[in-house]
Amino acid sequence: MAGIPGGLARDPGLMLKHRGAWLIGAWSLVALVCYLSLMPAPPAVFTFHWSDKFEHCTAYAAMSLWFCQIYAESKQRIKVAAALVAMGVTIEFLQGWSGYRYFEYADMAANSTGVLLGVSLAHTRLGRIFVWIEKLGDCTDDNRK
């Protein structure tokens, strides 16, 4: 399995045991972002200047990092990144056509920046958060026996 960073391909102990659950979480994030992006009056989480761009970047970084932990091969991660960038662009056009939201190139840039940030973070220790969580769960399961 060439292209998997950090020796993930060589160490079967680092493969996700609960991949299905992680996928449910990933697609739930996608659904939440789509809903919040297309609803007429989304909640304002932050109120500083350019806070909406920060929210866009953070949401897309989270989705990207989440999916990249499930799809660890380089080719898969490129597809994830391309799909999330396409999602961000598509949502932006849908907002422009909605009549109650606005089309902004800056939102597309923030979304794409978030995707790149998430993919980059996936190549760090943060890219193994799910593995750590599963190992922690294994330790607690062993203590219950």
C-alpha atoms as a PDB file:
ATOM      1  CA  MET A   1       0.000   0.000   0.000  1.00  0.00           C
ATOM      2  CA  ALA A   2       2.327   2.688  -1.232  1.00  0.00           C
ATOM      3  CA  GLY A   3       1.488   6.270  -0.463  1.00  0.00           C
ATOM      4  CA  ILE A   4       0.275   5.783   3.081  1.00  0.00           C
ATOM      5  CA  PRO A   5       2.256   8.123   5.326  1.00  0.00           C
ATOM      6  CA  GLY A   6       3.791   7.288   8.659  1.00  0.00           C
ATOM      7  CA  GLY A   7       4.012   3.548   8.086  1.00  0.00           C
ATOM      8  CA  LEU A   8       0.256   3.030   8.327  1.00  0.00           C
ATOM      9  CA  ALA A   9       0.335   0.446   5.534  1.00  0.00           C
ATOM     10  CA  ARG A  10       3.015  -1.623   7.233  1.00  0.00           C
ATOM     11  CA  ASP A  11       1.454  -1.649  10.690  1.00  0.00           C
ATOM     12  CA  PRO A  12      -1.866  -3.513  10.799  1.00  0.00           C
ATOM     13  CA  GLY A  13      -2.288  -2.250  14.371  1.00  0.00           C
ATOM     14  CA  LEU A  14      -2.896   1.218  12.957  1.00  0.00           C
ATOM     15  CA  MET A  15      -5.836   0.276  10.761  1.00  0.00           C
ATOM     16  CA  LEU A  16      -9.263   1.508  11.858  1.00  0.00           C
ATOM     17  CA  LYS A  17     -11.408  -1.162  13.491  1.00  0.00           C
ATOM     18  CA  HIS A  18     -14.584   0.924  13.504  1.00  0.00           C
ATOM     19  CA  ARG A  19     -14.339   2.328   9.991  1.00  0.00           C
ATOM     20  CA  GLY A  20     -18.099   2.237   9.494  1.00  0.00           C
ATOM     21  CA  ALA A  21     -18.719   4.380  12.558  1.00  0.00           C
ATOM     22  CA  TRP A  22     -16.064   6.872  11.445  1.00  0.00           C
ATOM     23  CA  LEU A  23     -17.716   7.031   8.004  1.00  0.00           C
ATOM     24  CA  ILE A  24     -21.091   7.758   9.591  1.00  0.00           C
ATOM     25  CA  GLY A  25     -19.455  10.627  11.465  1.00  0.00           C
ATOM     26  CA  ALA A  26     -17.788  11.915   8.299  1.00  0.00           C
ATOM     27  CA  TRP A  27     -20.994  11.925   6.273  1.00  0.00           C
ATOM     28  CA  SER A  28     -22.838  13.498   9.204  1.00  0.00           C
ATOM     29  CA  LEU A  29     -20.336  16.368   9.076  1.00  0.00           C
ATOM     30  CA  VAL A  30     -20.949  16.736   5.349  1.00  0.00           C
ATOM     31  CA  ALA A  31     -24.715  16.813   5.919  1.00  0.00           C
ATOM     32  CA  LEU A  32     -24.358  19.376   8.710  1.00  0.00           C
ATOM     33  CA  VAL A  33     -22.156  21.650   6.586  1.00  0.00           C
ATOM     34  CA  CYS A  34     -24.585  21.393   3.651  1.00  0.00           C
ATOM     35  CA  TYR A  35     -27.537  22.182   5.906  1.00  0.00           C
ATOM     36  CA  LEU A  36     -25.848  25.143   7.591  1.00  0.00           C
ATOM     37  CA  SER A  37     -24.586  26.436   4.245  1.00  0.00           C
ATOM     38  CA  LEU A  38     -27.986  26.377   2.600  1.00  0.00           C
ATOM     39  CA  MET A  39     -30.318  27.396   5.435  1.00  0.00           C
ATOM     40  CA  PRO A  40     -31.705  30.957   5.210  1.00  0.00           C
ATOM     41  CA  ALA A  41     -30.224  32.318   8.454  1.00  0.00           C
ATOM     42  CA  PRO A  42     -27.365  30.214   9.824  1.00  0.00           C
ATOM     43  CA  PRO A  43     -26.256  30.826  13.402  1.00  0.00           C
ATOM     44  CA  ALA A  44     -23.285  33.155  13.855  1.00  0.00           C
ATOM     45  CA  VAL A  45     -20.841  31.209  15.993  1.00  0.00           C
ATOM     46  CA  PHE A  46     -18.192  33.951  15.965  1.00  0.00           C
ATOM     47  CA  THR A  47     -18.655  37.667  15.433  1.00  0.00           C
ATOM     48  CA  PHE A  48     -15.184  39.056  14.649  1.00  0.00           C
ATOM     49  CA  HIS A  49     -14.181  40.505  11.273  1.00  0.00           C
ATOM     50  CA  TRP A  50     -13.957  37.702   8.654  1.00  0.00           C
ATOM     51  CA  SER A  51     -15.339  35.220  11.181  1.00  0.00           C
ATOM     52  CA  ASP A  52     -17.438  33.548   8.491  1.00  0.00           C
ATOM     53  CA  LYS A  53     -14.244  32.775   6.540  1.00  0.00           C
ATOM     54  CA  PHE A  54     -12.746  31.269   9.693  1.00  0.00           C
ATOM     55  CA  GLU A  55     -15.879  29.134  10.082  1.00  0.00           C
ATOM     56  CA  HIS A  56     -15.688  28.005   6.445  1.00  0.00           C
ATOM     57  CA  CYS A  57     -12.005  27.134   6.764  1.00  0.00           C
ATOM     58  CA  THR A  58     -12.514  25.301  10.064  1.00  0.00           C
ATOM     59  CA  ALA A  59     -15.481  23.275   8.817  1.00  0.00           C
ATOM     60  CA  TYR A  60     -13.697  22.145   5.656  1.00  0.00           C
ATOM     61  CA  ALA A  61     -10.470  21.409   7.558  1.00  0.00           C
ATOM     62  CA  ALA A  62     -12.443  19.227   9.981  1.00  0.00           C
ATOM     63  CA  MET A  63     -14.166  17.327   7.173  1.00  0.00           C
ATOM     64  CA  SER A  64     -10.908  16.888   5.294  1.00  0.00           C
ATOM     65  CA  LEU A  65      -8.962  15.681   8.329  1.00  0.00           C
ATOM     66  CA  TRP A  66     -11.808  13.327   9.268  1.00  0.00           C
ATOM     67  CA  PHE A  67     -12.024  11.727   5.807  1.00  0.00           C
ATOM     68  CA  CYS A  68      -8.229  11.544   5.467  1.00  0.00           C
ATOM     69  CA  GLN A  69      -8.049   9.384   8.572  1.00  0.00           C
ATOM     70  CA  ILE A  70     -10.456   6.933   6.961  1.00  0.00           C
ATOM     71  CA  TYR A  71      -8.888   7.087   3.503  1.00  0.00           C
ATOM     72  CA  ALA A  72      -5.160   6.996   4.215  1.00  0.00           C
ATOM     73  CA  GLU A  73      -3.740   6.284   0.752  1.00  0.00           C
ATOM     74  CA  SER A  74      -2.437   9.281  -1.185  1.00  0.00           C
ATOM     75  CA  LYS A  75      -4.707   8.677  -4.193  1.00  0.00           C
ATOM     76  CA  GLN A  76      -7.722   8.429  -1.907  1.00  0.00           C
ATOM     77  CA  ARG A  77      -6.780  11.641  -0.144  1.00  0.00           C
ATOM     78  CA  ILE A  78      -6.472  13.477  -3.449  1.00  0.00           C
ATOM     79  CA  LYS A  79      -9.985  12.312  -4.332  1.00  0.00           C
ATOM     80  CA  VAL A  80     -11.270  13.399  -0.907  1.00  0.00           C
ATOM     81  CA  ALA A  81      -9.687  16.825  -1.318  1.00  0.00           C
ATOM     82  CA  ALA A  82     -11.063  17.253  -4.840  1.00  0.00           C
ATOM     83  CA  ALA A  83     -14.549  16.175  -3.747  1.00  0.00           C
ATOM     84  CA  LEU A  84     -14.589  18.589  -0.793  1.00  0.00           C
ATOM     85  CA  VAL A  85     -13.349  21.492  -2.923  1.00  0.00           C
ATOM     86  CA  ALA A  86     -16.051  20.664  -5.494  1.00  0.00           C
ATOM     87  CA  MET A  87     -18.618  20.539  -2.691  1.00  0.00           C
ATOM     88  CA  GLY A  88     -17.566  23.993  -1.494  1.00  0.00           C
ATOM     89  CA  VAL A  89     -17.791  25.468  -4.986  1.00  0.00           C
ATOM     90  CA  THR A  90     -21.160  23.818  -5.650  1.00  0.00           C
ATOM     91  CA  ILE A  91     -22.613  25.045  -2.363  1.00  0.00           C
ATOM     92  CA  GLU A  92     -21.442  28.551  -3.152  1.00  0.00           C
ATOM     93  CA  PHE A  93     -23.297  28.519  -6.491  1.00  0.00           C
ATOM     94  CA  LEU A  94     -26.399  27.099  -4.779  1.00  0.00           C
ATOM     95  CA  GLN A  95     -26.237  29.927  -2.233  1.00  0.00           C
ATOM     96  CA  GLY A  96     -26.092  32.470  -5.049  1.00  0.00           C
ATOM     97  CA  TRP A  97     -29.106  30.936  -6.738  1.00  0.00           C
ATOM     98  CA  SER A  98     -31.110  30.613  -3.511  1.00  0.00           C
ATOM     99  CA  GLY A  99     -32.257  34.223  -3.365  1.00  0.00           C
ATOM    100  CA  TYR A 100     -31.573  34.425   0.377  1.00  0.00           C
ATOM    101  CA  ARG A 101     -27.817  33.651   0.565  1.00  0.00           C
ATOM    102  CA  TYR A 102     -24.858  35.223  -1.239  1.00  0.00           C
ATOM    103  CA  PHE A 103     -22.283  33.861  -3.672  1.00  0.00           C
ATOM    104  CA  GLU A 104     -18.727  34.737  -2.575  1.00  0.00           C
ATOM    105  CA  TYR A 105     -15.416  33.775  -4.143  1.00  0.00           C
ATOM    106  CA  ALA A 106     -13.808  34.399  -0.732  1.00  0.00           C
ATOM    107  CA  ASP A 107     -15.938  31.592   0.730  1.00  0.00           C
ATOM    108  CA  MET A 108     -14.655  29.233  -1.980  1.00  0.00           C
ATOM    109  CA  ALA A 109     -11.102  30.242  -1.108  1.00  0.00           C
ATOM    110  CA  ALA A 110     -11.741  29.706   2.616  1.00  0.00           C
ATOM    111  CA  ASN A 111     -13.296  26.291   1.937  1.00  0.00           C
ATOM    112  CA  SER A 112     -10.384  25.227  -0.261  1.00  0.00           C
ATOM    113  CA  THR A 113      -7.858  26.514   2.261  1.00  0.00           C
ATOM    114  CA  GLY A 114      -9.597  24.440   4.912  1.00  0.00           C
ATOM    115  CA  VAL A 115      -9.404  21.333   2.732  1.00  0.00           C
ATOM    116  CA  LEU A 116      -5.675  21.843   2.221  1.00  0.00           C
ATOM    117  CA  LEU A 117      -5.209  22.465   5.933  1.00  0.00           C
ATOM    118  CA  GLY A 118      -7.044  19.251   6.809  1.00  0.00           C
ATOM    119  CA  VAL A 119      -5.034  17.186   4.330  1.00  0.00           C
ATOM    120  CA  SER A 120      -1.827  18.721   5.697  1.00  0.00           C
ATOM    121  CA  LEU A 121      -2.836  17.994   9.289  1.00  0.00           C
ATOM    122  CA  ALA A 122      -3.561  14.396   8.287  1.00  0.00           C
ATOM    123  CA  HIS A 123       0.184  13.991   7.700  1.00  0.00           C
ATOM    124  CA  THR A 124       0.927  14.926  11.324  1.00  0.00           C
ATOM    125  CA  ARG A 125       0.103  13.167  14.585  1.00  0.00           C
ATOM    126  CA  LEU A 126      -3.383  14.638  14.350  1.00  0.00           C
ATOM    127  CA  GLY A 127      -3.900  12.313  11.393  1.00  0.00           C
ATOM    128  CA  ARG A 128      -3.964   9.380  13.798  1.00  0.00           C
ATOM    129  CA  ILE A 129      -6.541  10.646  16.282  1.00  0.00           C
ATOM    130  CA  PHE A 130      -9.029   7.908  15.365  1.00  0.00           C
ATOM    131  CA  VAL A 131      -6.382   5.209  15.815  1.00  0.00           C
ATOM    132  CA  TRP A 132      -5.557   6.623  19.254  1.00  0.00           C
ATOM    133  CA  ILE A 133      -9.236   6.729  20.214  1.00  0.00           C
ATOM    134  CA  GLU A 134      -9.700   3.121  19.130  1.00  0.00           C
ATOM    135  CA  LYS A 135      -6.598   2.022  21.050  1.00  0.00           C
ATOM    136  CA  LEU A 136      -7.884   3.864  24.120  1.00  0.00           C
ATOM    137  CA  GLY A 137     -11.174   2.006  23.718  1.00  0.00           C
ATOM    138  CA  ASP A 138      -9.258  -1.293  23.497  1.00  0.00           C
ATOM    139  CA  CYS A 139      -7.516  -0.485  26.802  1.00  0.00           C
ATOM    140  CA  THR A 140     -10.801   0.237  28.551  1.00  0.00           C
ATOM    141  CA  ASP A 141     -12.335  -2.923  27.064  1.00  0.00           C
ATOM    142  CA  ASP A 142      -9.405  -4.946  28.444  1.00  0.00           C
ATOM    143  CA  ASN A 143      -9.913  -3.439  31.894  1.00  0.00           C
ATOM    144  CA  ARG A 144     -13.577  -4.499  31.919  1.00  0.00           C
ATOM    145  CA  LYS A 145     -12.758  -8.158  31.339  1.00  0.00           C
END
